[in-house]
């Protein structure tokens, strides 16, 4: 983006710093005026006084003002100077500047969206884990013998899905990285209702 602005500003500076061979369009305004004392009508022609060596009229006369005009999209050179190369360069610069700005905006928004989606999935998984832990902590009353929970859960997946997931997670942090550091400081203590849990752990008093 910065390189494009510098390149276009420098190009216009070279073309319009001393535009002796470039034709300047004369802006002439005509109208009628009537005297209030004699009621006489006058035909008035007003011609703009354009100075190509004045930065107020020609911002591409100096490099700093040329940079500012390019960044703000001031295309005064297309209206004042009658030269096909200026029109072509202005069109190319406007297309490239708009395209780069759109790509920067899309990149910024996509990064924010992916970060929000990741945090949303983590919050959903944490909520589900809390719901499961609360359910397992309850004392369940069964009218008939309850079938024991399976010791192992088998999942049959496609290798293509694992390869795609591994490729997408290759350059990203571990999903549970922040939670692992957070829960390392929490000590596990035994409660009365823990005998109804399916999770088993050793009570280490050194923790």
N, C-alpha and C. Protein backbone atom coordinates (compact mmCIF):
# COMPACT_ATOMS: atom_id res chain seq x y z
N UNK A 1 0.83 -1.20 0.00
CA UNK A 1 0.00 0.00 0.00
C UNK A 1 0.87 1.25 0.00
N UNK A 2 1.83 1.31 0.91
CA UNK A 2 2.71 2.48 0.99
C UNK A 2 3.57 2.60 -0.26
N UNK A 3 4.07 1.46 -0.75
CA UNK A 3 4.89 1.49 -1.96
C UNK A 3 4.08 1.97 -3.17
N UNK A 4 2.83 1.58 -3.25
CA UNK A 4 1.99 2.02 -4.35
C UNK A 4 1.74 3.53 -4.28
N UNK A 5 1.49 4.03 -3.09
CA UNK A 5 1.27 5.48 -2.93
C UNK A 5 2.53 6.25 -3.30
N UNK A 6 3.69 5.77 -2.85
CA UNK A 6 4.94 6.45 -3.18
C UNK A 6 5.20 6.42 -4.68
N UNK A 7 4.96 5.27 -5.31
CA UNK A 7 5.20 5.14 -6.75
C UNK A 7 4.31 6.08 -7.56
N UNK A 8 3.02 6.11 -7.23
CA UNK A 8 2.11 6.98 -7.99
C UNK A 8 2.40 8.45 -7.71
N UNK A 9 2.70 8.80 -6.46
CA UNK A 9 3.01 10.19 -6.14
C UNK A 9 4.27 10.64 -6.86
N UNK A 10 5.28 9.78 -6.94
CA UNK A 10 6.51 10.13 -7.64
C UNK A 10 6.27 10.26 -9.15
N UNK A 11 5.42 9.40 -9.71
CA UNK A 11 5.11 9.48 -11.14
C UNK A 11 4.41 10.79 -11.48
N UNK A 12 3.43 11.17 -10.68
CA UNK A 12 2.73 12.43 -10.93
C UNK A 12 3.63 13.63 -10.67
N UNK A 13 4.55 13.49 -9.74
CA UNK A 13 5.49 14.58 -9.48
C UNK A 13 6.38 14.83 -10.70
N UNK A 14 6.83 13.75 -11.32
CA UNK A 14 7.68 13.90 -12.51
C UNK A 14 6.89 14.51 -13.67
N UNK A 15 5.64 14.11 -13.83
CA UNK A 15 4.84 14.61 -14.95
C UNK A 15 4.38 16.05 -14.76
N UNK A 16 3.99 16.41 -13.54
CA UNK A 16 3.28 17.67 -13.32
C UNK A 16 4.09 18.71 -12.55
N UNK A 17 5.34 18.45 -12.26
CA UNK A 17 6.12 19.46 -11.55
C UNK A 17 6.36 20.69 -12.43
N UNK A 18 6.68 20.48 -13.67
CA UNK A 18 6.86 21.58 -14.63
C UNK A 18 6.11 21.23 -15.91
N UNK A 19 4.80 21.39 -15.92
CA UNK A 19 4.00 20.93 -17.06
C UNK A 19 3.95 21.95 -18.20
N UNK A 20 5.11 22.27 -18.81
CA UNK A 20 5.11 23.23 -19.90
C UNK A 20 4.50 22.64 -21.17
N UNK A 21 4.73 21.34 -21.40
CA UNK A 21 4.25 20.74 -22.65
C UNK A 21 2.86 20.13 -22.51
N UNK A 22 2.29 20.18 -21.31
CA UNK A 22 0.96 19.60 -21.08
C UNK A 22 -0.07 20.72 -21.13
N UNK A 23 -1.11 20.50 -21.91
CA UNK A 23 -2.16 21.50 -22.04
C UNK A 23 -3.01 21.56 -20.78
N UNK A 24 -3.34 22.78 -20.39
CA UNK A 24 -4.16 23.00 -19.20
C UNK A 24 -5.56 23.42 -19.63
N UNK A 25 -6.55 22.73 -19.10
CA UNK A 25 -7.93 23.07 -19.42
C UNK A 25 -8.32 24.36 -18.71
N UNK A 26 -8.80 25.33 -19.51
CA UNK A 26 -9.23 26.61 -18.94
C UNK A 26 -10.68 26.48 -18.49
N UNK A 27 -10.91 26.77 -17.23
CA UNK A 27 -12.27 26.76 -16.69
C UNK A 27 -12.83 28.18 -16.74
N UNK A 28 -13.81 28.38 -17.60
CA UNK A 28 -14.41 29.70 -17.80
C UNK A 28 -15.87 29.64 -17.39
N UNK A 29 -16.28 30.60 -16.60
CA UNK A 29 -17.67 30.70 -16.14
C UNK A 29 -18.26 32.00 -16.70
N UNK A 30 -19.38 31.90 -17.33
CA UNK A 30 -20.04 33.07 -17.93
C UNK A 30 -21.41 33.26 -17.31
N UNK A 31 -21.85 34.51 -17.31
CA UNK A 31 -23.15 34.82 -16.75
C UNK A 31 -23.54 36.25 -17.04
N UNK A 32 -24.70 36.64 -16.56
CA UNK A 32 -25.23 37.99 -16.75
C UNK A 32 -25.40 38.66 -15.41
N UNK A 33 -25.17 39.97 -15.43
CA UNK A 33 -25.37 40.78 -14.22
C UNK A 33 -26.13 42.05 -14.61
N UNK A 34 -27.02 42.46 -13.75
CA UNK A 34 -27.85 43.65 -13.99
C UNK A 34 -27.56 44.67 -12.92
N UNK A 35 -27.28 45.89 -13.35
CA UNK A 35 -27.02 46.98 -12.41
C UNK A 35 -28.31 47.38 -11.73
N UNK A 36 -28.26 47.56 -10.42
CA UNK A 36 -29.46 47.93 -9.68
C UNK A 36 -29.82 49.42 -9.85
N UNK A 37 -28.88 50.22 -10.29
CA UNK A 37 -29.15 51.68 -10.45
C UNK A 37 -29.61 52.03 -11.86
N UNK A 38 -28.95 51.44 -12.88
CA UNK A 38 -29.29 51.79 -14.28
C UNK A 38 -30.04 50.68 -15.00
N UNK A 39 -30.22 49.53 -14.34
CA UNK A 39 -30.87 48.37 -14.95
C UNK A 39 -30.15 47.93 -16.24
N UNK A 40 -28.88 48.17 -16.30
CA UNK A 40 -28.11 47.79 -17.48
C UNK A 40 -27.60 46.37 -17.30
N UNK A 41 -27.69 45.58 -18.37
CA UNK A 41 -27.27 44.19 -18.34
C UNK A 41 -25.82 44.06 -18.81
N UNK A 42 -25.04 43.25 -18.07
CA UNK A 42 -23.63 43.03 -18.41
C UNK A 42 -23.41 41.53 -18.61
N UNK A 43 -22.65 41.22 -19.63
CA UNK A 43 -22.20 39.84 -19.87
C UNK A 43 -20.82 39.66 -19.23
N UNK A 44 -20.72 38.73 -18.29
CA UNK A 44 -19.49 38.55 -17.52
C UNK A 44 -18.93 37.17 -17.79
N UNK A 45 -17.65 37.15 -18.08
CA UNK A 45 -16.89 35.89 -18.23
C UNK A 45 -15.80 35.85 -17.16
N UNK A 46 -15.79 34.78 -16.38
CA UNK A 46 -14.82 34.61 -15.30
C UNK A 46 -13.93 33.42 -15.64
N UNK A 47 -12.64 33.64 -15.64
CA UNK A 47 -11.66 32.59 -15.94
C UNK A 47 -10.85 32.29 -14.69
N UNK A 48 -10.71 31.00 -14.40
CA UNK A 48 -9.96 30.59 -13.21
C UNK A 48 -8.47 30.85 -13.41
N UNK A 49 -7.84 31.31 -12.36
CA UNK A 49 -6.40 31.59 -12.39
C UNK A 49 -5.67 30.39 -11.80
N UNK A 50 -5.27 29.47 -12.65
CA UNK A 50 -4.61 28.23 -12.22
C UNK A 50 -3.10 28.39 -12.32
N UNK A 51 -2.41 28.15 -11.20
CA UNK A 51 -0.96 28.24 -11.16
C UNK A 51 -0.40 26.84 -10.93
N UNK A 52 0.24 26.23 -11.94
CA UNK A 52 0.76 24.86 -11.76
C UNK A 52 1.91 24.76 -10.77
N UNK A 53 2.49 25.91 -10.36
CA UNK A 53 3.60 25.89 -9.40
C UNK A 53 3.14 26.24 -7.98
N UNK A 54 1.83 26.26 -7.79
CA UNK A 54 1.26 26.51 -6.47
C UNK A 54 0.66 25.20 -5.96
N UNK A 55 1.07 24.78 -4.78
CA UNK A 55 0.59 23.50 -4.25
C UNK A 55 -0.91 23.50 -3.95
N UNK A 56 -1.50 24.68 -3.78
CA UNK A 56 -2.96 24.73 -3.58
C UNK A 56 -3.70 24.40 -4.87
N UNK A 57 -3.14 24.79 -6.02
CA UNK A 57 -3.75 24.46 -7.30
C UNK A 57 -3.25 23.13 -7.84
N UNK A 58 -1.97 22.89 -7.70
CA UNK A 58 -1.36 21.66 -8.20
C UNK A 58 -0.64 20.96 -7.05
N UNK A 59 -1.31 20.05 -6.34
CA UNK A 59 -0.67 19.39 -5.19
C UNK A 59 0.49 18.48 -5.59
N UNK A 60 0.61 18.18 -6.89
CA UNK A 60 1.70 17.30 -7.34
C UNK A 60 2.95 18.08 -7.71
N UNK A 61 3.02 19.33 -7.29
CA UNK A 61 4.22 20.13 -7.54
C UNK A 61 5.33 19.77 -6.55
N UNK A 62 4.97 19.34 -5.34
CA UNK A 62 5.94 18.92 -4.34
C UNK A 62 5.63 17.48 -3.92
N UNK A 63 6.66 16.80 -3.42
CA UNK A 63 6.51 15.37 -3.13
C UNK A 63 5.58 15.11 -1.95
N UNK A 64 5.69 15.90 -0.88
CA UNK A 64 4.86 15.66 0.31
C UNK A 64 3.40 15.88 0.00
N UNK A 65 3.08 16.98 -0.69
CA UNK A 65 1.69 17.24 -1.05
C UNK A 65 1.20 16.22 -2.08
N UNK A 66 2.11 15.73 -2.91
CA UNK A 66 1.74 14.68 -3.86
C UNK A 66 1.37 13.39 -3.14
N UNK A 67 2.14 13.05 -2.10
CA UNK A 67 1.81 11.88 -1.29
C UNK A 67 0.45 12.04 -0.61
N UNK A 68 0.20 13.22 -0.07
CA UNK A 68 -1.07 13.47 0.62
C UNK A 68 -2.24 13.39 -0.35
N UNK A 69 -2.09 13.98 -1.53
CA UNK A 69 -3.17 13.95 -2.52
C UNK A 69 -3.45 12.53 -2.99
N UNK A 70 -2.41 11.72 -3.14
CA UNK A 70 -2.60 10.33 -3.56
C UNK A 70 -3.31 9.53 -2.47
N UNK A 71 -2.92 9.73 -1.23
CA UNK A 71 -3.54 9.00 -0.12
C UNK A 71 -5.01 9.37 0.04
N UNK A 72 -5.34 10.66 -0.12
CA UNK A 72 -6.72 11.12 0.04
C UNK A 72 -7.56 10.94 -1.21
N UNK A 73 -6.94 10.51 -2.31
CA UNK A 73 -7.68 10.31 -3.55
C UNK A 73 -8.07 11.61 -4.24
N UNK A 74 -7.18 12.59 -4.21
CA UNK A 74 -7.44 13.88 -4.86
C UNK A 74 -6.98 13.78 -6.31
N UNK A 75 -7.93 13.58 -7.23
CA UNK A 75 -7.60 13.41 -8.65
C UNK A 75 -7.82 14.71 -9.41
N UNK A 76 -7.32 15.82 -8.91
CA UNK A 76 -7.48 17.11 -9.58
C UNK A 76 -6.75 17.15 -10.92
N UNK A 77 -5.71 16.32 -11.06
CA UNK A 77 -4.94 16.34 -12.30
C UNK A 77 -5.76 15.87 -13.49
N UNK A 78 -6.77 15.04 -13.26
CA UNK A 78 -7.60 14.56 -14.37
C UNK A 78 -8.52 15.65 -14.89
N UNK A 79 -8.89 16.60 -14.05
CA UNK A 79 -9.80 17.67 -14.46
C UNK A 79 -9.08 18.86 -15.07
N UNK A 80 -7.86 19.10 -14.65
CA UNK A 80 -7.15 20.31 -15.06
C UNK A 80 -6.24 20.06 -16.26
N UNK A 81 -5.46 18.98 -16.22
CA UNK A 81 -4.46 18.73 -17.26
C UNK A 81 -5.05 17.85 -18.36
N UNK A 82 -4.83 18.27 -19.60
CA UNK A 82 -5.36 17.55 -20.76
C UNK A 82 -4.24 16.70 -21.35
N UNK A 83 -4.05 15.48 -20.76
CA UNK A 83 -3.01 14.58 -21.23
C UNK A 83 -3.48 13.16 -20.96
N UNK A 84 -3.46 12.30 -22.00
CA UNK A 84 -4.04 10.96 -21.87
C UNK A 84 -3.27 10.10 -20.86
N UNK A 85 -1.95 10.30 -20.74
CA UNK A 85 -1.16 9.49 -19.80
C UNK A 85 -1.59 9.73 -18.36
N UNK A 86 -1.97 10.97 -18.05
CA UNK A 86 -2.41 11.29 -16.69
C UNK A 86 -3.73 10.57 -16.38
N UNK A 87 -4.64 10.54 -17.35
CA UNK A 87 -5.91 9.85 -17.14
C UNK A 87 -5.71 8.35 -16.95
N UNK A 88 -4.82 7.78 -17.75
CA UNK A 88 -4.57 6.34 -17.64
C UNK A 88 -3.93 5.99 -16.30
N UNK A 89 -2.92 6.75 -15.88
CA UNK A 89 -2.25 6.49 -14.61
C UNK A 89 -3.20 6.70 -13.43
N UNK A 90 -4.05 7.71 -13.51
CA UNK A 90 -5.02 7.95 -12.42
C UNK A 90 -6.01 6.80 -12.31
N UNK A 91 -6.45 6.26 -13.45
CA UNK A 91 -7.37 5.13 -13.43
C UNK A 91 -6.71 3.89 -12.84
N UNK A 92 -5.48 3.60 -13.26
CA UNK A 92 -4.77 2.42 -12.75
C UNK A 92 -4.52 2.55 -11.24
N UNK A 93 -4.10 3.74 -10.81
CA UNK A 93 -3.83 3.94 -9.38
C UNK A 93 -5.09 3.80 -8.55
N UNK A 94 -6.20 4.34 -9.02
CA UNK A 94 -7.45 4.24 -8.25
C UNK A 94 -7.91 2.79 -8.13
N UNK A 95 -7.76 2.00 -9.20
CA UNK A 95 -8.17 0.59 -9.15
C UNK A 95 -7.29 -0.18 -8.16
N UNK A 96 -5.97 0.03 -8.25
CA UNK A 96 -5.06 -0.70 -7.37
C UNK A 96 -5.25 -0.29 -5.91
N UNK A 97 -5.44 1.00 -5.65
CA UNK A 97 -5.61 1.45 -4.27
C UNK A 97 -6.88 0.87 -3.66
N UNK A 98 -7.97 0.88 -4.41
CA UNK A 98 -9.23 0.33 -3.90
C UNK A 98 -9.12 -1.17 -3.67
N UNK A 99 -8.46 -1.87 -4.59
CA UNK A 99 -8.31 -3.32 -4.44
C UNK A 99 -7.48 -3.68 -3.22
N UNK A 100 -6.38 -2.95 -3.00
CA UNK A 100 -5.53 -3.24 -1.84
C UNK A 100 -6.26 -2.92 -0.54
N UNK A 101 -6.99 -1.81 -0.50
CA UNK A 101 -7.73 -1.47 0.71
C UNK A 101 -8.80 -2.51 1.01
N UNK A 102 -9.48 -3.01 -0.02
CA UNK A 102 -10.49 -4.05 0.20
C UNK A 102 -9.85 -5.33 0.73
N UNK A 103 -8.70 -5.70 0.18
CA UNK A 103 -8.03 -6.92 0.67
C UNK A 103 -7.56 -6.76 2.12
N UNK A 104 -7.08 -5.57 2.46
CA UNK A 104 -6.67 -5.33 3.85
C UNK A 104 -7.87 -5.43 4.79
N UNK A 105 -9.00 -4.87 4.37
CA UNK A 105 -10.21 -4.92 5.20
C UNK A 105 -10.72 -6.35 5.34
N UNK A 106 -10.70 -7.10 4.24
CA UNK A 106 -11.16 -8.49 4.30
C UNK A 106 -10.26 -9.33 5.19
N UNK A 107 -8.95 -9.11 5.08
CA UNK A 107 -8.01 -9.86 5.92
C UNK A 107 -8.22 -9.56 7.39
N UNK A 108 -8.43 -8.28 7.70
CA UNK A 108 -8.66 -7.91 9.10
C UNK A 108 -9.94 -8.53 9.64
N UNK A 109 -11.01 -8.47 8.87
CA UNK A 109 -12.29 -9.00 9.33
C UNK A 109 -12.25 -10.53 9.43
N UNK A 110 -11.57 -11.20 8.48
CA UNK A 110 -11.51 -12.66 8.55
C UNK A 110 -10.72 -13.12 9.77
N UNK A 111 -9.63 -12.39 10.11
CA UNK A 111 -8.88 -12.75 11.31
C UNK A 111 -9.69 -12.60 12.57
N UNK A 112 -10.45 -11.51 12.66
CA UNK A 112 -11.30 -11.30 13.84
C UNK A 112 -12.40 -12.36 13.90
N UNK A 113 -12.95 -12.73 12.74
CA UNK A 113 -14.01 -13.74 12.72
C UNK A 113 -13.48 -15.10 13.17
N UNK A 114 -12.29 -15.48 12.67
CA UNK A 114 -11.73 -16.76 13.07
C UNK A 114 -11.41 -16.80 14.56
N UNK A 115 -10.91 -15.68 15.10
CA UNK A 115 -10.62 -15.63 16.53
C UNK A 115 -11.89 -15.75 17.36
N UNK A 116 -12.95 -15.06 16.91
CA UNK A 116 -14.23 -15.15 17.63
C UNK A 116 -14.82 -16.55 17.53
N UNK A 117 -14.67 -17.18 16.36
CA UNK A 117 -15.19 -18.55 16.20
C UNK A 117 -14.45 -19.53 17.10
N UNK A 118 -13.13 -19.37 17.21
CA UNK A 118 -12.34 -20.25 18.08
C UNK A 118 -12.74 -20.09 19.54
N UNK A 119 -12.88 -18.85 19.99
CA UNK A 119 -13.31 -18.62 21.37
C UNK A 119 -14.72 -19.14 21.61
N UNK A 120 -15.58 -19.02 20.60
CA UNK A 120 -16.93 -19.53 20.75
C UNK A 120 -16.96 -21.04 20.90
N UNK A 121 -16.13 -21.75 20.11
CA UNK A 121 -16.06 -23.21 20.25
C UNK A 121 -15.49 -23.61 21.60
N UNK A 122 -14.50 -22.88 22.08
CA UNK A 122 -13.94 -23.20 23.39
C UNK A 122 -14.97 -22.98 24.49
N UNK A 123 -15.74 -21.89 24.39
CA UNK A 123 -16.78 -21.64 25.40
C UNK A 123 -17.86 -22.71 25.36
N UNK A 124 -18.21 -23.17 24.14
CA UNK A 124 -19.22 -24.22 24.03
C UNK A 124 -18.73 -25.54 24.63
N UNK A 125 -17.48 -25.88 24.35
CA UNK A 125 -16.92 -27.11 24.92
C UNK A 125 -16.83 -27.02 26.45
N UNK A 126 -16.46 -25.85 26.96
CA UNK A 126 -16.38 -25.68 28.41
C UNK A 126 -17.78 -25.79 29.04
N UNK A 127 -18.78 -25.24 28.38
CA UNK A 127 -20.14 -25.32 28.89
C UNK A 127 -20.63 -26.77 28.90
N UNK A 128 -20.35 -27.51 27.84
CA UNK A 128 -20.76 -28.91 27.80
C UNK A 128 -20.04 -29.73 28.85
N UNK A 129 -18.76 -29.44 29.05
CA UNK A 129 -18.00 -30.18 30.09
C UNK A 129 -18.58 -29.91 31.47
N UNK A 130 -18.96 -28.67 31.72
CA UNK A 130 -19.57 -28.34 33.02
C UNK A 130 -20.91 -29.04 33.20
N UNK A 131 -21.70 -29.11 32.13
CA UNK A 131 -22.99 -29.80 32.22
C UNK A 131 -22.79 -31.30 32.49
N UNK A 132 -21.82 -31.90 31.83
CA UNK A 132 -21.55 -33.32 32.05
C UNK A 132 -21.05 -33.57 33.47
N UNK A 133 -20.17 -32.67 33.95
CA UNK A 133 -19.66 -32.83 35.32
C UNK A 133 -20.77 -32.68 36.34
N UNK A 134 -21.68 -31.73 36.13
CA UNK A 134 -22.81 -31.57 37.06
C UNK A 134 -23.72 -32.80 37.04
N UNK A 135 -23.94 -33.34 35.86
CA UNK A 135 -24.81 -34.52 35.77
C UNK A 135 -24.17 -35.73 36.45
N UNK A 136 -22.87 -35.89 36.26
CA UNK A 136 -22.19 -37.03 36.87
C UNK A 136 -22.10 -36.90 38.39
N UNK A 137 -22.15 -35.66 38.88
CA UNK A 137 -22.07 -35.46 40.33
C UNK A 137 -23.38 -35.74 41.05
N UNK A 138 -24.47 -35.86 40.30
CA UNK A 138 -25.77 -36.13 40.92
C UNK A 138 -25.85 -37.59 41.38
N UNK A 139 -26.68 -37.81 42.39
CA UNK A 139 -26.93 -39.17 42.88
C UNK A 139 -28.13 -39.72 42.11
N UNK A 140 -27.86 -40.64 41.20
CA UNK A 140 -28.91 -41.17 40.34
C UNK A 140 -29.56 -42.39 41.00
N UNK A 141 -30.90 -42.39 40.97
CA UNK A 141 -31.67 -43.51 41.51
C UNK A 141 -32.20 -44.33 40.34
N UNK A 142 -31.88 -45.60 40.28
CA UNK A 142 -32.31 -46.48 39.20
C UNK A 142 -33.21 -47.56 39.78
N UNK A 143 -34.38 -47.81 39.16
CA UNK A 143 -35.31 -48.84 39.61
C UNK A 143 -34.83 -50.23 39.23
N UNK A 144 -33.99 -50.32 38.27
CA UNK A 144 -33.44 -51.61 37.85
C UNK A 144 -31.93 -51.47 37.73
N UNK A 145 -31.24 -52.55 37.74
CA UNK A 145 -29.77 -52.46 37.64
C UNK A 145 -29.34 -51.66 36.41
N UNK A 146 -28.46 -50.73 36.66
CA UNK A 146 -28.00 -49.84 35.58
C UNK A 146 -26.84 -50.47 34.83
N UNK A 147 -26.91 -50.41 33.55
CA UNK A 147 -25.83 -50.96 32.74
C UNK A 147 -24.58 -50.11 32.93
N UNK A 148 -23.46 -50.73 33.15
CA UNK A 148 -22.22 -49.96 33.35
C UNK A 148 -21.82 -49.22 32.07
N UNK A 149 -21.17 -48.10 32.28
CA UNK A 149 -20.68 -47.34 31.13
C UNK A 149 -19.54 -48.08 30.46
N UNK A 150 -19.44 -47.97 29.17
CA UNK A 150 -18.36 -48.68 28.46
C UNK A 150 -16.99 -48.14 28.88
N UNK A 151 -16.04 -49.03 28.95
CA UNK A 151 -14.70 -48.63 29.34
C UNK A 151 -14.01 -47.86 28.22
N UNK A 152 -14.27 -48.24 27.01
CA UNK A 152 -13.66 -47.58 25.87
C UNK A 152 -14.75 -47.13 24.90
N UNK A 153 -14.52 -46.04 24.25
CA UNK A 153 -15.42 -45.53 23.22
C UNK A 153 -14.64 -45.51 21.91
N UNK A 154 -15.14 -46.20 20.94
CA UNK A 154 -14.46 -46.32 19.66
C UNK A 154 -15.13 -45.37 18.66
N UNK A 155 -14.29 -44.72 17.91
CA UNK A 155 -14.79 -43.81 16.88
C UNK A 155 -14.13 -44.18 15.56
N UNK A 156 -14.94 -44.40 14.57
CA UNK A 156 -14.44 -44.74 13.24
C UNK A 156 -14.56 -43.51 12.36
N UNK A 157 -13.43 -42.99 11.95
CA UNK A 157 -13.42 -41.79 11.11
C UNK A 157 -12.67 -42.02 9.83
N UNK A 158 -12.79 -41.06 8.96
CA UNK A 158 -12.09 -41.14 7.69
C UNK A 158 -10.72 -40.48 7.81
N UNK A 159 -9.75 -41.12 7.18
CA UNK A 159 -8.39 -40.56 7.24
C UNK A 159 -8.30 -39.20 6.57
N UNK A 160 -9.16 -38.95 5.58
CA UNK A 160 -9.14 -37.66 4.90
C UNK A 160 -9.51 -36.54 5.86
N UNK A 161 -10.47 -36.81 6.74
CA UNK A 161 -10.89 -35.80 7.70
C UNK A 161 -9.76 -35.47 8.68
N UNK A 162 -9.04 -36.49 9.13
CA UNK A 162 -7.92 -36.26 10.04
C UNK A 162 -6.80 -35.48 9.35
N UNK A 163 -6.54 -35.79 8.09
CA UNK A 163 -5.49 -35.07 7.36
C UNK A 163 -5.86 -33.61 7.16
N UNK A 164 -7.13 -33.33 6.84
CA UNK A 164 -7.56 -31.95 6.67
C UNK A 164 -7.50 -31.19 7.99
N UNK A 165 -7.90 -31.83 9.08
CA UNK A 165 -7.84 -31.17 10.39
C UNK A 165 -6.40 -30.89 10.79
N UNK A 166 -5.52 -31.86 10.57
CA UNK A 166 -4.11 -31.68 10.93
C UNK A 166 -3.47 -30.57 10.09
N UNK A 167 -3.85 -30.48 8.83
CA UNK A 167 -3.30 -29.43 7.97
C UNK A 167 -3.80 -28.06 8.38
N UNK A 168 -5.07 -27.97 8.79
CA UNK A 168 -5.62 -26.68 9.21
C UNK A 168 -5.09 -26.22 10.55
N UNK A 169 -4.69 -27.17 11.41
CA UNK A 169 -4.19 -26.82 12.74
C UNK A 169 -2.66 -26.75 12.79
N UNK A 170 -2.00 -26.89 11.64
CA UNK A 170 -0.55 -27.00 11.63
C UNK A 170 0.12 -25.72 12.13
N UNK A 171 -0.37 -24.58 11.69
CA UNK A 171 0.26 -23.30 12.04
C UNK A 171 -0.46 -22.58 13.17
N UNK A 172 -1.32 -23.25 13.92
CA UNK A 172 -2.08 -22.63 14.99
C UNK A 172 -1.65 -23.21 16.34
N UNK A 173 -2.02 -22.48 17.38
CA UNK A 173 -1.71 -22.94 18.73
C UNK A 173 -2.60 -24.11 19.13
N UNK A 174 -2.19 -24.79 20.18
CA UNK A 174 -3.00 -25.88 20.70
C UNK A 174 -4.31 -25.35 21.26
N UNK A 175 -5.39 -26.05 21.00
CA UNK A 175 -6.71 -25.58 21.43
C UNK A 175 -6.78 -25.46 22.95
N UNK A 176 -6.22 -26.42 23.66
CA UNK A 176 -6.33 -26.46 25.12
C UNK A 176 -5.13 -25.83 25.81
N UNK A 177 -4.32 -25.05 25.08
CA UNK A 177 -3.10 -24.50 25.66
C UNK A 177 -3.40 -23.59 26.84
N UNK A 178 -4.35 -22.66 26.67
CA UNK A 178 -4.67 -21.74 27.75
C UNK A 178 -5.33 -22.41 28.93
N UNK A 179 -6.18 -23.42 28.68
CA UNK A 179 -6.86 -24.11 29.77
C UNK A 179 -5.89 -24.99 30.56
N UNK A 180 -4.90 -25.54 29.86
CA UNK A 180 -3.93 -26.40 30.54
C UNK A 180 -3.14 -25.61 31.58
N UNK A 181 -2.69 -24.43 31.20
CA UNK A 181 -1.94 -23.59 32.14
C UNK A 181 -2.82 -23.10 33.29
N UNK A 182 -4.09 -22.89 33.01
CA UNK A 182 -5.00 -22.38 34.04
C UNK A 182 -5.30 -23.42 35.11
N UNK A 183 -5.53 -24.67 34.68
CA UNK A 183 -5.95 -25.69 35.62
C UNK A 183 -4.79 -26.41 36.29
N UNK A 184 -3.56 -26.11 35.91
CA UNK A 184 -2.42 -26.72 36.58
C UNK A 184 -2.30 -26.26 38.03
N UNK A 185 -2.80 -25.08 38.33
CA UNK A 185 -2.66 -24.52 39.67
C UNK A 185 -3.79 -24.95 40.61
N UNK A 186 -4.81 -25.60 40.06
CA UNK A 186 -5.95 -26.01 40.89
C UNK A 186 -5.69 -27.39 41.50
N UNK A 187 -5.83 -27.48 42.81
CA UNK A 187 -5.66 -28.75 43.51
C UNK A 187 -6.94 -29.56 43.48
N UNK A 188 -6.80 -30.86 43.34
CA UNK A 188 -7.94 -31.76 43.32
C UNK A 188 -8.22 -32.23 44.74
N UNK A 189 -9.43 -32.01 45.20
CA UNK A 189 -9.83 -32.45 46.54
C UNK A 189 -11.03 -33.38 46.42
N UNK A 190 -11.12 -34.26 47.36
CA UNK A 190 -12.17 -35.25 47.33
C UNK A 190 -13.40 -34.73 48.07
N UNK A 191 -14.58 -34.96 47.46
CA UNK A 191 -15.83 -34.56 48.06
C UNK A 191 -16.69 -35.80 48.35
N UNK A 192 -17.79 -35.56 49.04
CA UNK A 192 -18.64 -36.68 49.46
C UNK A 192 -19.26 -37.38 48.26
N UNK A 193 -19.71 -36.58 47.28
CA UNK A 193 -20.40 -37.15 46.12
C UNK A 193 -19.47 -37.70 45.06
N UNK A 194 -18.17 -37.71 45.34
CA UNK A 194 -17.24 -38.18 44.32
C UNK A 194 -17.35 -39.69 44.09
N UNK A 195 -17.93 -40.41 45.04
CA UNK A 195 -18.03 -41.86 44.86
C UNK A 195 -19.01 -42.24 43.75
N UNK A 196 -19.86 -41.26 43.36
CA UNK A 196 -20.81 -41.55 42.29
C UNK A 196 -20.26 -41.16 40.92
N UNK A 197 -19.07 -40.58 40.87
CA UNK A 197 -18.47 -40.15 39.61
C UNK A 197 -17.86 -41.33 38.88
N UNK A 198 -17.79 -41.19 37.57
CA UNK A 198 -17.12 -42.22 36.78
C UNK A 198 -15.62 -41.96 36.72
N UNK A 199 -15.18 -40.72 37.08
CA UNK A 199 -13.77 -40.41 37.05
C UNK A 199 -13.10 -40.89 38.34
N UNK A 200 -11.96 -41.51 38.22
CA UNK A 200 -11.22 -42.01 39.36
C UNK A 200 -9.86 -41.33 39.39
N UNK A 201 -9.46 -40.91 40.58
CA UNK A 201 -8.14 -40.28 40.72
C UNK A 201 -7.61 -40.61 42.11
N UNK A 202 -6.30 -40.53 42.25
CA UNK A 202 -5.64 -40.81 43.52
C UNK A 202 -5.54 -39.54 44.33
N UNK A 203 -5.82 -39.67 45.61
CA UNK A 203 -5.74 -38.53 46.51
C UNK A 203 -4.30 -38.38 46.97
N UNK A 204 -3.60 -37.42 46.39
CA UNK A 204 -2.20 -37.18 46.73
C UNK A 204 -2.13 -35.97 47.64
N UNK A 205 -1.76 -36.17 48.88
CA UNK A 205 -1.72 -35.06 49.85
C UNK A 205 -0.60 -34.10 49.58
N UNK A 206 0.37 -34.47 48.72
CA UNK A 206 1.49 -33.58 48.42
C UNK A 206 1.11 -32.51 47.40
N UNK A 207 -0.04 -32.60 46.79
CA UNK A 207 -0.42 -31.62 45.78
C UNK A 207 -0.74 -30.30 46.44
